[in-house]
């Protein structure tokens, strides 16, 4: 028996028998998650949790408002010595940030095939800017939906990943996010889940950052909701 046949056999053996009420099973799963500690939390409470969890894994987090964040982020990029920033100026947030950047921070767009500028991307781009589709408070996770203007390379290659997320898009947990955004029916080709800067460890569990992605992660949470239950 081949390895494929063995795997398929195990899957078939573990499959529910005909007549098992799958809808009842799904209802039980939903009921279990509905009792989660963050269900019913306000947008501000979810943002508080996201900030706390992400900060605990070496992520720098700022709480900002919708008007002041571009100037604050531009100031911090310049202070950190960032010389080039990869971003999508076709998005309103990208255009707002580009307009606020000082002259010493050069903007770069992902407007050509990767093969044409791979060396420049890996060697010369200091930071990438993305706007998260949503966030998961319980695990301190950002949900990114890559597209042509902001492919997943933007969050994976530059040494610094800067992400913007709106408090109004935060979910209590992964189960809540999957249901609220109807992932089973409308999930894009791929999602990127970011829960901190890139890290790995050796057999002695010594952490090393930036081994296969950004060494640093900055998250700006726009507090655009208050007192609204999740």
N, C-alpha and C. Protein backbone atom coordinates (compact mmCIF):
# COMPACT_ATOMS: atom_id res chain seq x y z
N UNK A 1 0.86 -1.20 0.00
CA UNK A 1 0.00 0.00 0.00
C UNK A 1 0.89 1.25 0.00
N UNK A 2 0.56 2.18 -0.87
CA UNK A 2 1.37 3.39 -0.98
C UNK A 2 1.09 4.32 0.19
N UNK A 3 1.98 5.32 0.35
CA UNK A 3 1.80 6.31 1.42
C UNK A 3 0.49 7.08 1.21
N UNK A 4 0.18 7.36 -0.06
CA UNK A 4 -1.07 8.07 -0.36
C UNK A 4 -2.27 7.25 0.08
N UNK A 5 -2.25 5.98 -0.22
CA UNK A 5 -3.37 5.11 0.16
C UNK A 5 -3.50 4.99 1.67
N UNK A 6 -2.36 4.95 2.36
CA UNK A 6 -2.40 4.89 3.82
C UNK A 6 -3.04 6.13 4.41
N UNK A 7 -2.63 7.30 3.89
CA UNK A 7 -3.18 8.57 4.40
C UNK A 7 -4.67 8.66 4.12
N UNK A 8 -5.07 8.35 2.88
CA UNK A 8 -6.49 8.41 2.54
C UNK A 8 -7.30 7.42 3.38
N UNK A 9 -6.71 6.24 3.63
CA UNK A 9 -7.41 5.26 4.45
C UNK A 9 -7.66 5.77 5.85
N UNK A 10 -6.67 6.43 6.44
CA UNK A 10 -6.82 6.98 7.78
C UNK A 10 -7.88 8.08 7.80
N UNK A 11 -7.88 8.92 6.76
CA UNK A 11 -8.87 9.99 6.69
C UNK A 11 -10.29 9.43 6.57
N UNK A 12 -10.44 8.41 5.73
CA UNK A 12 -11.76 7.79 5.55
C UNK A 12 -12.22 7.12 6.83
N UNK A 13 -11.28 6.49 7.54
CA UNK A 13 -11.65 5.82 8.78
C UNK A 13 -12.07 6.81 9.86
N UNK A 14 -11.50 8.00 9.81
CA UNK A 14 -11.82 9.01 10.83
C UNK A 14 -13.04 9.84 10.45
N UNK A 15 -13.51 9.72 9.22
CA UNK A 15 -14.66 10.52 8.78
C UNK A 15 -15.92 10.11 9.53
N UNK A 16 -16.83 11.07 9.78
CA UNK A 16 -18.08 10.75 10.47
C UNK A 16 -18.88 9.71 9.67
N UNK A 17 -19.49 8.80 10.39
CA UNK A 17 -20.33 7.80 9.73
C UNK A 17 -21.56 8.45 9.13
N UNK A 18 -22.14 7.86 8.08
CA UNK A 18 -23.36 8.41 7.49
C UNK A 18 -24.45 8.56 8.55
N UNK A 19 -25.10 9.68 8.50
CA UNK A 19 -26.19 9.90 9.44
C UNK A 19 -25.80 10.69 10.68
N UNK A 20 -24.48 10.92 10.90
CA UNK A 20 -24.05 11.72 12.04
C UNK A 20 -24.50 13.17 11.81
N UNK A 21 -25.17 13.77 12.77
CA UNK A 21 -25.70 15.13 12.59
C UNK A 21 -24.59 16.18 12.62
N UNK A 22 -24.00 16.46 11.46
CA UNK A 22 -22.89 17.41 11.40
C UNK A 22 -23.33 18.81 11.82
N UNK A 23 -24.57 19.16 11.52
CA UNK A 23 -25.05 20.48 11.91
C UNK A 23 -25.07 20.61 13.43
N UNK A 24 -25.43 19.52 14.09
CA UNK A 24 -25.43 19.53 15.56
C UNK A 24 -24.02 19.71 16.10
N UNK A 25 -23.06 19.04 15.44
CA UNK A 25 -21.67 19.18 15.85
C UNK A 25 -21.19 20.62 15.68
N UNK A 26 -21.55 21.22 14.55
CA UNK A 26 -21.16 22.62 14.30
C UNK A 26 -21.79 23.54 15.33
N UNK A 27 -23.05 23.29 15.68
CA UNK A 27 -23.72 24.11 16.69
C UNK A 27 -23.02 24.00 18.03
N UNK A 28 -22.55 22.80 18.37
CA UNK A 28 -21.86 22.61 19.64
C UNK A 28 -20.52 23.37 19.64
N UNK A 29 -19.83 23.35 18.49
CA UNK A 29 -18.57 24.09 18.38
C UNK A 29 -18.81 25.58 18.52
N UNK A 30 -19.85 26.07 17.84
CA UNK A 30 -20.18 27.49 17.92
C UNK A 30 -20.55 27.90 19.34
N UNK A 31 -21.32 27.05 20.02
CA UNK A 31 -21.73 27.34 21.39
C UNK A 31 -20.53 27.39 22.32
N UNK A 32 -19.58 26.50 22.09
CA UNK A 32 -18.36 26.48 22.91
C UNK A 32 -17.61 27.79 22.77
N UNK A 33 -17.39 28.23 21.53
CA UNK A 33 -16.62 29.45 21.31
C UNK A 33 -17.40 30.69 21.73
N UNK A 34 -18.71 30.62 21.72
CA UNK A 34 -19.53 31.78 22.12
C UNK A 34 -19.30 32.15 23.58
N UNK A 35 -18.77 31.20 24.36
CA UNK A 35 -18.51 31.47 25.77
C UNK A 35 -17.08 31.98 26.00
N UNK A 36 -16.39 32.30 24.92
CA UNK A 36 -15.02 32.79 25.05
C UNK A 36 -14.93 34.05 25.88
N UNK A 37 -13.81 34.27 26.56
CA UNK A 37 -13.68 35.40 27.48
C UNK A 37 -13.81 36.78 26.84
N UNK A 38 -13.57 36.88 25.54
CA UNK A 38 -13.64 38.19 24.88
C UNK A 38 -14.92 38.39 24.08
N UNK A 39 -15.78 37.38 24.05
CA UNK A 39 -17.05 37.55 23.33
C UNK A 39 -17.89 38.61 24.05
N UNK A 40 -18.39 39.56 23.30
CA UNK A 40 -19.15 40.65 23.88
C UNK A 40 -18.30 41.82 24.33
N UNK A 41 -16.97 41.71 24.16
CA UNK A 41 -16.09 42.81 24.55
C UNK A 41 -16.29 44.00 23.61
N UNK A 42 -16.05 45.19 24.10
CA UNK A 42 -16.15 46.38 23.27
C UNK A 42 -14.94 46.47 22.35
N UNK A 43 -15.04 47.33 21.35
CA UNK A 43 -13.92 47.53 20.45
C UNK A 43 -12.68 48.01 21.19
N UNK A 44 -12.88 48.86 22.17
CA UNK A 44 -11.75 49.35 22.96
C UNK A 44 -11.12 48.22 23.76
N UNK A 45 -11.93 47.35 24.34
CA UNK A 45 -11.41 46.21 25.10
C UNK A 45 -10.63 45.26 24.20
N UNK A 46 -11.13 45.04 22.98
CA UNK A 46 -10.41 44.18 22.05
C UNK A 46 -9.07 44.81 21.67
N UNK A 47 -9.07 46.13 21.46
CA UNK A 47 -7.82 46.82 21.13
C UNK A 47 -6.84 46.75 22.30
N UNK A 48 -7.35 46.87 23.51
CA UNK A 48 -6.49 46.75 24.70
C UNK A 48 -5.83 45.38 24.74
N UNK A 49 -6.61 44.34 24.47
CA UNK A 49 -6.07 42.97 24.50
C UNK A 49 -5.06 42.76 23.39
N UNK A 50 -5.39 43.21 22.18
CA UNK A 50 -4.46 43.07 21.06
C UNK A 50 -3.14 43.74 21.39
N UNK A 51 -3.20 44.94 21.92
CA UNK A 51 -1.98 45.67 22.29
C UNK A 51 -1.18 44.90 23.34
N UNK A 52 -1.85 44.41 24.36
CA UNK A 52 -1.15 43.70 25.44
C UNK A 52 -0.47 42.43 24.92
N UNK A 53 -1.19 41.64 24.12
CA UNK A 53 -0.63 40.38 23.65
C UNK A 53 0.51 40.63 22.67
N UNK A 54 0.33 41.57 21.76
CA UNK A 54 1.39 41.83 20.77
C UNK A 54 2.62 42.43 21.42
N UNK A 55 2.42 43.29 22.40
CA UNK A 55 3.57 43.88 23.10
C UNK A 55 4.38 42.81 23.82
N UNK A 56 3.71 41.77 24.29
CA UNK A 56 4.39 40.71 25.03
C UNK A 56 5.31 39.88 24.15
N UNK A 57 5.17 39.97 22.83
CA UNK A 57 6.04 39.22 21.92
C UNK A 57 6.91 40.17 21.09
N UNK A 58 7.37 41.22 21.74
CA UNK A 58 8.33 42.16 21.16
C UNK A 58 7.80 42.89 19.93
N UNK A 59 6.56 43.32 20.00
CA UNK A 59 5.98 44.16 18.97
C UNK A 59 5.77 45.55 19.55
N UNK A 60 6.13 46.59 18.80
CA UNK A 60 5.89 47.96 19.24
C UNK A 60 4.50 48.39 18.78
N UNK A 61 3.68 48.83 19.72
CA UNK A 61 2.28 49.15 19.42
C UNK A 61 1.98 50.58 19.84
N UNK A 62 1.27 51.30 18.97
CA UNK A 62 0.81 52.65 19.29
C UNK A 62 -0.70 52.73 19.07
N UNK A 63 -1.38 53.43 19.94
CA UNK A 63 -2.81 53.71 19.78
C UNK A 63 -2.93 55.12 19.22
N UNK A 64 -3.61 55.26 18.10
CA UNK A 64 -3.65 56.54 17.39
C UNK A 64 -5.08 56.84 16.95
N UNK A 65 -5.29 58.06 16.49
CA UNK A 65 -6.59 58.39 15.91
C UNK A 65 -6.45 58.50 14.41
N UNK A 66 -7.58 58.60 13.73
CA UNK A 66 -7.59 58.54 12.27
C UNK A 66 -6.90 59.72 11.61
N UNK A 67 -6.73 60.82 12.33
CA UNK A 67 -6.15 62.01 11.72
C UNK A 67 -4.65 62.16 11.96
N UNK A 68 -4.18 61.74 13.13
CA UNK A 68 -2.80 62.05 13.51
C UNK A 68 -1.79 60.96 13.18
N UNK A 69 -2.26 59.74 12.84
CA UNK A 69 -1.30 58.64 12.69
C UNK A 69 -0.27 58.84 11.59
N UNK A 70 -0.61 59.45 10.41
CA UNK A 70 0.44 59.58 9.38
C UNK A 70 1.64 60.40 9.85
N UNK A 71 1.36 61.52 10.54
CA UNK A 71 2.46 62.37 11.01
C UNK A 71 3.29 61.66 12.07
N UNK A 72 2.63 60.95 12.98
CA UNK A 72 3.35 60.23 14.03
C UNK A 72 4.22 59.13 13.44
N UNK A 73 3.66 58.36 12.53
CA UNK A 73 4.42 57.27 11.91
C UNK A 73 5.58 57.82 11.09
N UNK A 74 5.35 58.89 10.35
CA UNK A 74 6.42 59.50 9.56
C UNK A 74 7.57 59.94 10.46
N UNK A 75 7.22 60.53 11.60
CA UNK A 75 8.24 60.99 12.55
C UNK A 75 9.05 59.81 13.07
N UNK A 76 8.40 58.71 13.40
CA UNK A 76 9.09 57.56 13.96
C UNK A 76 9.95 56.86 12.92
N UNK A 77 9.49 56.83 11.67
CA UNK A 77 10.30 56.24 10.61
C UNK A 77 11.59 57.03 10.40
N UNK A 78 11.47 58.35 10.38
CA UNK A 78 12.65 59.19 10.21
C UNK A 78 13.60 59.04 11.38
N UNK A 79 13.06 58.98 12.60
CA UNK A 79 13.89 58.85 13.80
C UNK A 79 14.62 57.51 13.82
N UNK A 80 14.02 56.48 13.22
CA UNK A 80 14.63 55.15 13.18
C UNK A 80 15.62 55.00 12.04
N UNK A 81 15.79 56.05 11.24
CA UNK A 81 16.75 56.00 10.14
C UNK A 81 16.27 55.21 8.94
N UNK A 82 14.96 55.08 8.77
CA UNK A 82 14.41 54.36 7.62
C UNK A 82 14.59 55.22 6.37
N UNK A 83 15.28 54.67 5.38
CA UNK A 83 15.54 55.44 4.16
C UNK A 83 14.59 55.13 3.03
N UNK A 84 13.97 53.94 3.06
CA UNK A 84 13.04 53.58 1.99
C UNK A 84 11.89 52.77 2.57
N UNK A 85 10.69 53.07 2.10
CA UNK A 85 9.48 52.43 2.62
C UNK A 85 8.66 51.89 1.46
N UNK A 86 8.35 50.61 1.51
CA UNK A 86 7.53 49.96 0.49
C UNK A 86 6.07 50.08 0.89
N UNK A 87 5.26 50.70 0.04
CA UNK A 87 3.85 50.88 0.36
C UNK A 87 3.03 51.06 -0.91
N UNK A 88 1.71 50.93 -0.75
CA UNK A 88 0.78 51.05 -1.87
C UNK A 88 0.08 52.40 -1.77
N UNK A 89 0.48 53.34 -2.61
CA UNK A 89 -0.11 54.68 -2.56
C UNK A 89 -1.49 54.73 -3.21
N UNK A 90 -1.93 53.63 -3.81
CA UNK A 90 -3.29 53.59 -4.37
C UNK A 90 -4.33 53.49 -3.26
N UNK A 91 -3.92 53.01 -2.10
CA UNK A 91 -4.80 52.97 -0.93
C UNK A 91 -4.78 54.33 -0.26
N UNK A 92 -5.90 54.71 0.32
CA UNK A 92 -5.99 56.01 0.99
C UNK A 92 -4.95 56.12 2.11
N UNK A 93 -4.76 55.04 2.87
CA UNK A 93 -3.81 55.08 3.98
C UNK A 93 -2.37 55.23 3.46
N UNK A 94 -2.06 54.53 2.37
CA UNK A 94 -0.72 54.65 1.81
C UNK A 94 -0.45 56.04 1.27
N UNK A 95 -1.44 56.63 0.63
CA UNK A 95 -1.29 57.99 0.10
C UNK A 95 -1.13 59.00 1.24
N UNK A 96 -1.89 58.82 2.32
CA UNK A 96 -1.79 59.73 3.46
C UNK A 96 -0.42 59.65 4.11
N UNK A 97 0.11 58.44 4.23
CA UNK A 97 1.44 58.29 4.83
C UNK A 97 2.51 58.87 3.92
N UNK A 98 2.42 58.60 2.62
CA UNK A 98 3.41 59.11 1.68
C UNK A 98 3.47 60.64 1.72
N UNK A 99 2.30 61.28 1.87
CA UNK A 99 2.25 62.74 1.91
C UNK A 99 2.88 63.30 3.18
N UNK A 100 2.90 62.47 4.24
CA UNK A 100 3.43 62.95 5.52
C UNK A 100 4.92 62.68 5.69
N UNK A 101 5.49 61.85 4.83
CA UNK A 101 6.89 61.45 5.00
C UNK A 101 7.85 62.60 4.71
N UNK A 102 8.91 62.72 5.49
CA UNK A 102 9.95 63.72 5.19
C UNK A 102 10.74 63.30 3.96
N UNK A 103 11.51 64.23 3.44
CA UNK A 103 12.24 63.97 2.19
C UNK A 103 13.24 62.83 2.32
N UNK A 104 13.75 62.59 3.53
CA UNK A 104 14.77 61.55 3.68
C UNK A 104 14.21 60.13 3.64
N UNK A 105 12.90 59.99 3.66
CA UNK A 105 12.29 58.66 3.56
C UNK A 105 11.71 58.49 2.17
N UNK A 106 12.32 57.64 1.37
CA UNK A 106 11.91 57.42 -0.01
C UNK A 106 10.81 56.36 -0.07
N UNK A 107 9.78 56.60 -0.88
CA UNK A 107 8.71 55.61 -1.04
C UNK A 107 8.99 54.72 -2.24
N UNK A 108 8.64 53.45 -2.10
CA UNK A 108 8.82 52.46 -3.15
C UNK A 108 7.50 51.75 -3.36
N UNK A 109 7.11 51.56 -4.63
CA UNK A 109 5.87 50.87 -4.94
C UNK A 109 6.16 49.50 -5.54
N UNK A 110 5.28 48.56 -5.25
CA UNK A 110 5.40 47.22 -5.83
C UNK A 110 4.67 47.24 -7.16
N UNK A 111 5.30 47.86 -8.17
CA UNK A 111 4.63 48.11 -9.44
C UNK A 111 5.28 47.40 -10.62
N UNK A 112 6.06 46.36 -10.35
CA UNK A 112 6.71 45.60 -11.42
C UNK A 112 6.92 44.17 -10.94
N UNK A 113 7.14 43.27 -11.87
CA UNK A 113 7.35 41.87 -11.46
C UNK A 113 8.53 41.74 -10.50
N UNK A 114 8.41 40.85 -9.56
CA UNK A 114 9.43 40.67 -8.54
C UNK A 114 10.79 40.36 -9.15
N UNK A 115 10.80 39.58 -10.22
CA UNK A 115 12.07 39.18 -10.84
C UNK A 115 12.88 40.38 -11.32
N UNK A 116 12.20 41.48 -11.63
CA UNK A 116 12.89 42.65 -12.19
C UNK A 116 13.62 43.47 -11.13
N UNK A 117 13.26 43.31 -9.87
CA UNK A 117 13.91 44.15 -8.84
C UNK A 117 14.12 43.41 -7.52
N UNK A 118 14.26 42.09 -7.60
CA UNK A 118 14.43 41.28 -6.39
C UNK A 118 15.65 41.73 -5.59
N UNK A 119 16.77 41.98 -6.26
CA UNK A 119 17.99 42.37 -5.54
C UNK A 119 17.78 43.68 -4.80
N UNK A 120 17.15 44.64 -5.46
CA UNK A 120 16.88 45.93 -4.81
C UNK A 120 15.96 45.75 -3.60
N UNK A 121 14.93 44.94 -3.77
CA UNK A 121 13.96 44.71 -2.70
C UNK A 121 14.64 44.13 -1.47
N UNK A 122 15.45 43.10 -1.66
CA UNK A 122 16.07 42.43 -0.53
C UNK A 122 17.23 43.22 0.08
N UNK A 123 17.87 44.08 -0.72
CA UNK A 123 19.06 44.77 -0.23
C UNK A 123 18.81 46.20 0.21
N UNK A 124 17.85 46.89 -0.41
CA UNK A 124 17.75 48.33 -0.22
C UNK A 124 16.46 48.82 0.45
N UNK A 125 15.43 48.00 0.54
CA UNK A 125 14.17 48.46 1.13
C UNK A 125 14.21 48.20 2.64
N UNK A 126 14.03 49.26 3.41
CA UNK A 126 14.17 49.18 4.86
C UNK A 126 12.90 48.74 5.58
N UNK A 127 11.73 49.08 5.03
CA UNK A 127 10.48 48.80 5.73
C UNK A 127 9.34 48.62 4.75
N UNK A 128 8.34 47.87 5.17
CA UNK A 128 7.13 47.69 4.37
C UNK A 128 5.91 48.09 5.18
N UNK A 129 4.96 48.72 4.53
CA UNK A 129 3.74 49.20 5.21
C UNK A 129 2.52 48.49 4.66
N UNK A 130 1.71 47.93 5.56
CA UNK A 130 0.48 47.26 5.16
C UNK A 130 -0.69 47.76 6.00
N UNK A 131 -1.89 47.56 5.46
CA UNK A 131 -3.12 47.84 6.21
C UNK A 131 -3.81 46.50 6.44
N UNK A 132 -3.98 46.14 7.68
CA UNK A 132 -4.57 44.84 8.00
C UNK A 132 -6.04 44.80 7.64
N UNK A 133 -6.46 43.66 7.16
CA UNK A 133 -7.88 43.44 6.90
C UNK A 133 -8.66 43.42 8.21
N UNK A 134 -8.06 42.83 9.24
CA UNK A 134 -8.69 42.74 10.55
C UNK A 134 -7.64 42.30 11.56
N UNK A 135 -8.09 42.02 12.78
CA UNK A 135 -7.18 41.55 13.81
C UNK A 135 -7.89 40.58 14.74
N UNK A 136 -7.11 39.75 15.41
CA UNK A 136 -7.65 38.77 16.35
C UNK A 136 -7.07 39.08 17.72
N UNK A 137 -7.91 39.55 18.61
CA UNK A 137 -7.43 40.06 19.89
C UNK A 137 -6.82 38.97 20.76
N UNK A 138 -7.47 37.83 20.89
CA UNK A 138 -7.05 36.79 21.84
C UNK A 138 -5.63 36.33 21.60
N UNK A 139 -5.21 36.25 20.35
CA UNK A 139 -3.87 35.76 20.02
C UNK A 139 -2.92 36.86 19.60
N UNK A 140 -3.38 38.11 19.57
CA UNK A 140 -2.53 39.20 19.14
C UNK A 140 -2.09 39.03 17.71
N UNK A 141 -3.07 38.85 16.82
CA UNK A 141 -2.78 38.51 15.43
C UNK A 141 -3.38 39.52 14.47
N UNK A 142 -2.62 39.89 13.45
CA UNK A 142 -3.14 40.72 12.36
C UNK A 142 -3.48 39.82 11.19
N UNK A 143 -4.59 40.10 10.54
CA UNK A 143 -5.01 39.35 9.36
C UNK A 143 -4.77 40.23 8.14
N UNK A 144 -3.85 39.83 7.28
CA UNK A 144 -3.54 40.58 6.06
C UNK A 144 -4.10 39.85 4.86
N UNK A 145 -4.69 40.60 3.95
CA UNK A 145 -5.21 40.03 2.70
C UNK A 145 -4.39 40.62 1.55
N UNK A 146 -3.31 39.96 1.16
CA UNK A 146 -2.44 40.50 0.11
C UNK A 146 -3.18 40.72 -1.21
N UNK A 147 -2.76 41.74 -1.95
CA UNK A 147 -3.31 41.99 -3.27
C UNK A 147 -2.18 42.46 -4.18
N UNK A 148 -2.51 42.87 -5.38
CA UNK A 148 -1.48 43.24 -6.35
C UNK A 148 -0.62 44.41 -5.88
N UNK A 149 -1.23 45.39 -5.24
CA UNK A 149 -0.48 46.56 -4.79
C UNK A 149 0.28 46.33 -3.51
N UNK A 150 -0.15 45.35 -2.73
CA UNK A 150 0.50 45.05 -1.47
C UNK A 150 0.57 43.54 -1.27
N UNK A 151 1.38 42.87 -2.08
CA UNK A 151 1.50 41.40 -1.96
C UNK A 151 2.15 41.02 -0.63
N UNK A 152 2.13 39.74 -0.33
CA UNK A 152 2.65 39.30 0.97
C UNK A 152 4.12 39.60 1.13
N UNK A 153 4.83 39.81 0.04
CA UNK A 153 6.25 40.19 0.10
C UNK A 153 6.45 41.44 0.94
N UNK A 154 5.49 42.36 0.91
CA UNK A 154 5.62 43.62 1.64
C UNK A 154 5.76 43.38 3.14
N UNK A 155 5.07 42.37 3.64
CA UNK A 155 5.12 42.09 5.08
C UNK A 155 6.18 41.06 5.45
N UNK A 156 6.78 40.42 4.47
CA UNK A 156 7.70 39.32 4.75
C UNK A 156 9.17 39.64 4.50
N UNK A 157 9.47 40.54 3.57
CA UNK A 157 10.87 40.74 3.16
C UNK A 157 11.58 41.88 3.89
N UNK A 158 11.05 43.10 3.95
CA UNK A 158 11.79 44.19 4.60
C UNK A 158 12.07 43.89 6.07
N UNK A 159 13.18 44.39 6.60
CA UNK A 159 13.53 44.14 8.01
C UNK A 159 12.50 44.66 9.00
N UNK A 160 11.78 45.72 8.63
CA UNK A 160 10.75 46.29 9.50
C UNK A 160 9.41 46.20 8.80
N UNK A 161 8.42 45.62 9.48
CA UNK A 161 7.06 45.59 8.98
C UNK A 161 6.22 46.55 9.82
N UNK A 162 5.60 47.51 9.15
CA UNK A 162 4.72 48.47 9.82
C UNK A 162 3.29 48.18 9.37
N UNK A 163 2.41 47.96 10.32
CA UNK A 163 1.03 47.60 9.98
C UNK A 163 0.05 48.54 10.67
N UNK A 164 -1.00 48.87 9.95
CA UNK A 164 -2.09 49.69 10.46
C UNK A 164 -3.32 48.81 10.59
N UNK A 165 -4.01 48.89 11.71
CA UNK A 165 -5.23 48.12 11.89
C UNK A 165 -6.27 48.98 12.59
N UNK A 166 -7.51 48.87 12.14
CA UNK A 166 -8.61 49.63 12.74
C UNK A 166 -9.24 48.83 13.86
N UNK A 167 -9.47 49.48 14.99
CA UNK A 167 -10.08 48.79 16.13
C UNK A 167 -11.45 48.22 15.76
N UNK A 168 -12.15 48.87 14.85
CA UNK A 168 -13.48 48.41 14.46
C UNK A 168 -13.45 47.09 13.70
N UNK A 169 -12.26 46.66 13.26
CA UNK A 169 -12.15 45.40 12.52
C UNK A 169 -11.67 44.25 13.40
N UNK A 170 -11.49 44.48 14.68
CA UNK A 170 -10.95 43.45 15.56
C UNK A 170 -12.02 42.43 15.94
N UNK A 171 -11.59 41.17 16.03
CA UNK A 171 -12.46 40.07 16.45
C UNK A 171 -11.93 39.50 17.76
N UNK A 172 -12.81 38.86 18.50
CA UNK A 172 -12.42 38.30 19.79
C UNK A 172 -11.41 37.18 19.63
N UNK A 173 -11.66 36.26 18.70
CA UNK A 173 -10.80 35.10 18.52
C UNK A 173 -10.88 34.64 17.07
N UNK A 174 -10.11 33.59 16.74
CA UNK A 174 -10.06 33.10 15.36
C UNK A 174 -11.43 32.62 14.89
N UNK A 175 -12.14 31.92 15.74
CA UNK A 175 -13.47 31.42 15.37
C UNK A 175 -14.40 32.58 15.02
N UNK A 176 -14.35 33.64 15.80
CA UNK A 176 -15.19 34.81 15.53
C UNK A 176 -14.81 35.46 14.21
N UNK A 177 -13.51 35.54 13.93
CA UNK A 177 -13.05 36.14 12.68
C UNK A 177 -13.52 35.32 11.48
N UNK A 178 -13.39 34.01 11.57
CA UNK A 178 -13.78 33.15 10.46
C UNK A 178 -15.27 33.27 10.15
N UNK A 179 -16.08 33.38 11.18
CA UNK A 179 -17.52 33.49 10.97
C UNK A 179 -17.93 34.89 10.51
N UNK A 180 -17.39 35.91 11.17
CA UNK A 180 -17.78 37.28 10.83
C UNK A 180 -17.38 37.65 9.40
N UNK A 181 -16.24 37.12 8.95
CA UNK A 181 -15.76 37.44 7.60
C UNK A 181 -16.11 36.36 6.58
N UNK A 182 -16.87 35.36 7.02
CA UNK A 182 -17.32 34.28 6.13
C UNK A 182 -16.17 33.67 5.35
N UNK A 183 -15.13 33.24 6.06
CA UNK A 183 -13.96 32.69 5.40
C UNK A 183 -14.30 31.46 4.55
N UNK A 184 -15.24 30.66 4.98
CA UNK A 184 -15.56 29.44 4.25
C UNK A 184 -16.14 29.73 2.87
N UNK A 185 -16.72 30.92 2.70
CA UNK A 185 -17.36 31.25 1.42
C UNK A 185 -16.59 32.31 0.63
N UNK A 186 -15.89 33.20 1.33
CA UNK A 186 -15.30 34.35 0.63
C UNK A 186 -13.81 34.52 0.92
N UNK A 187 -13.17 33.49 1.43
CA UNK A 187 -11.75 33.62 1.74
C UNK A 187 -10.94 33.88 0.48
N UNK A 188 -10.02 34.86 0.52
CA UNK A 188 -9.20 35.14 -0.67
C UNK A 188 -8.21 34.00 -0.93
N UNK A 189 -7.40 34.16 -1.97
CA UNK A 189 -6.45 33.11 -2.34
C UNK A 189 -5.54 32.75 -1.18
N UNK A 190 -5.12 33.76 -0.45
CA UNK A 190 -4.34 33.49 0.76
C UNK A 190 -4.49 34.63 1.76
N UNK A 191 -4.35 34.29 3.02
CA UNK A 191 -4.31 35.28 4.09
C UNK A 191 -2.97 35.12 4.80
N UNK A 192 -2.44 36.23 5.29
CA UNK A 192 -1.22 36.20 6.08
C UNK A 192 -1.59 36.56 7.52
N UNK A 193 -1.29 35.67 8.46
CA UNK A 193 -1.56 35.92 9.87
C UNK A 193 -0.25 36.30 10.55
N UNK A 194 -0.20 37.48 11.11
CA UNK A 194 1.02 38.02 11.71
C UNK A 194 0.80 38.18 13.21
N UNK A 195 1.61 37.48 14.00
CA UNK A 195 1.48 37.55 15.46
C UNK A 195 2.75 38.03 16.14
N UNK A 196 3.58 38.77 15.40
CA UNK A 196 4.81 39.29 15.97
C UNK A 196 5.91 39.28 14.92
N UNK A 197 7.09 39.79 15.27
CA UNK A 197 8.21 39.75 14.32
C UNK A 197 8.64 38.31 14.08
N UNK A 198 9.34 38.10 12.97
CA UNK A 198 9.82 36.75 12.65
C UNK A 198 10.79 36.26 13.71
N UNK A 199 10.59 35.02 14.14
CA UNK A 199 11.50 34.47 15.15
C UNK A 199 11.61 32.96 14.99
N UNK A 200 12.74 32.45 15.43
CA UNK A 200 12.97 31.00 15.45
C UNK A 200 13.89 30.70 16.62
N UNK A 201 14.06 29.43 16.94
CA UNK A 201 14.93 29.09 18.05
C UNK A 201 15.66 27.79 17.75
N UNK A 202 16.82 27.61 18.38
CA UNK A 202 17.59 26.39 18.19
C UNK A 202 17.18 25.34 19.22
N UNK A 203 17.91 24.27 19.30
CA UNK A 203 17.55 23.18 20.19
C UNK A 203 17.58 23.60 21.66
N UNK A 204 18.34 24.65 21.98
CA UNK A 204 18.39 25.17 23.34
C UNK A 204 17.32 26.22 23.59
N UNK A 205 16.44 26.42 22.60
CA UNK A 205 15.33 27.38 22.69
C UNK A 205 15.83 28.82 22.85
N UNK A 206 16.96 29.11 22.21
CA UNK A 206 17.46 30.48 22.18
C UNK A 206 16.81 31.20 21.01
N UNK A 207 16.03 32.23 21.30
CA UNK A 207 15.28 32.92 20.25
C UNK A 207 16.21 33.79 19.40
N UNK A 208 15.97 33.76 18.09
CA UNK A 208 16.65 34.63 17.14
C UNK A 208 15.57 35.30 16.29
N UNK A 209 15.70 36.59 16.10
CA UNK A 209 14.68 37.33 15.36
C UNK A 209 15.17 37.66 13.96
N UNK A 210 14.24 37.65 13.00
CA UNK A 210 14.56 38.03 11.64
C UNK A 210 15.16 36.94 10.78
N UNK A 211 15.08 35.70 11.23
CA UNK A 211 15.70 34.61 10.46
C UNK A 211 14.98 34.36 9.14
N UNK A 212 13.69 34.53 9.10
CA UNK A 212 12.93 34.27 7.88
C UNK A 212 11.81 35.28 7.69
N UNK A 213 12.10 36.53 8.05
CA UNK A 213 11.11 37.59 7.91
C UNK A 213 11.57 38.83 8.66
N UNK A 214 10.68 39.78 8.88
CA UNK A 214 11.05 41.04 9.54
C UNK A 214 11.60 40.82 10.95
N UNK A 215 12.64 41.58 11.28
CA UNK A 215 13.19 41.53 12.63
C UNK A 215 12.35 42.34 13.61
N UNK A 216 11.59 43.28 13.08
CA UNK A 216 10.80 44.16 13.95
C UNK A 216 9.40 44.36 13.36
N UNK A 217 8.43 44.55 14.25
CA UNK A 217 7.06 44.79 13.84
C UNK A 217 6.51 45.99 14.61
N UNK A 218 6.02 46.97 13.88
CA UNK A 218 5.34 48.12 14.48
C UNK A 218 3.86 48.02 14.11
N UNK A 219 3.01 48.19 15.08
CA UNK A 219 1.57 48.15 14.84
C UNK A 219 0.93 49.44 15.34
N UNK A 220 0.16 50.07 14.47
CA UNK A 220 -0.58 51.28 14.81
C UNK A 220 -2.07 50.93 14.81
N UNK A 221 -2.69 51.01 15.98
CA UNK A 221 -4.12 50.70 16.11
C UNK A 221 -4.90 52.00 16.07
N UNK A 222 -5.75 52.15 15.07
CA UNK A 222 -6.59 53.34 14.99
C UNK A 222 -7.82 53.12 15.84
N UNK A 223 -7.98 53.90 16.88
CA UNK A 223 -9.11 53.78 17.77
C UNK A 223 -10.32 54.47 17.14
N UNK A 224 -10.99 53.76 16.24
CA UNK A 224 -12.15 54.33 15.55
C UNK A 224 -13.47 53.80 16.11
N UNK A 225 -13.43 53.19 17.28
CA UNK A 225 -14.64 52.71 17.90
C UNK A 225 -14.49 52.77 19.41
N UNK A 226 -15.59 52.96 20.08
CA UNK A 226 -15.57 53.01 21.55
C UNK A 226 -16.92 52.55 22.07
N UNK A 227 -16.86 51.58 22.97
CA UNK A 227 -18.09 51.11 23.60
C UNK A 227 -18.97 50.23 22.73
N UNK A 228 -18.45 49.80 21.57
CA UNK A 228 -19.24 48.97 20.68
C UNK A 228 -18.89 47.50 20.92
N UNK A 229 -19.86 46.67 21.19
CA UNK A 229 -19.60 45.26 21.48
C UNK A 229 -19.16 44.53 20.24
N UNK A 230 -18.25 43.57 20.43
CA UNK A 230 -17.73 42.80 19.29
C UNK A 230 -18.73 41.73 18.86
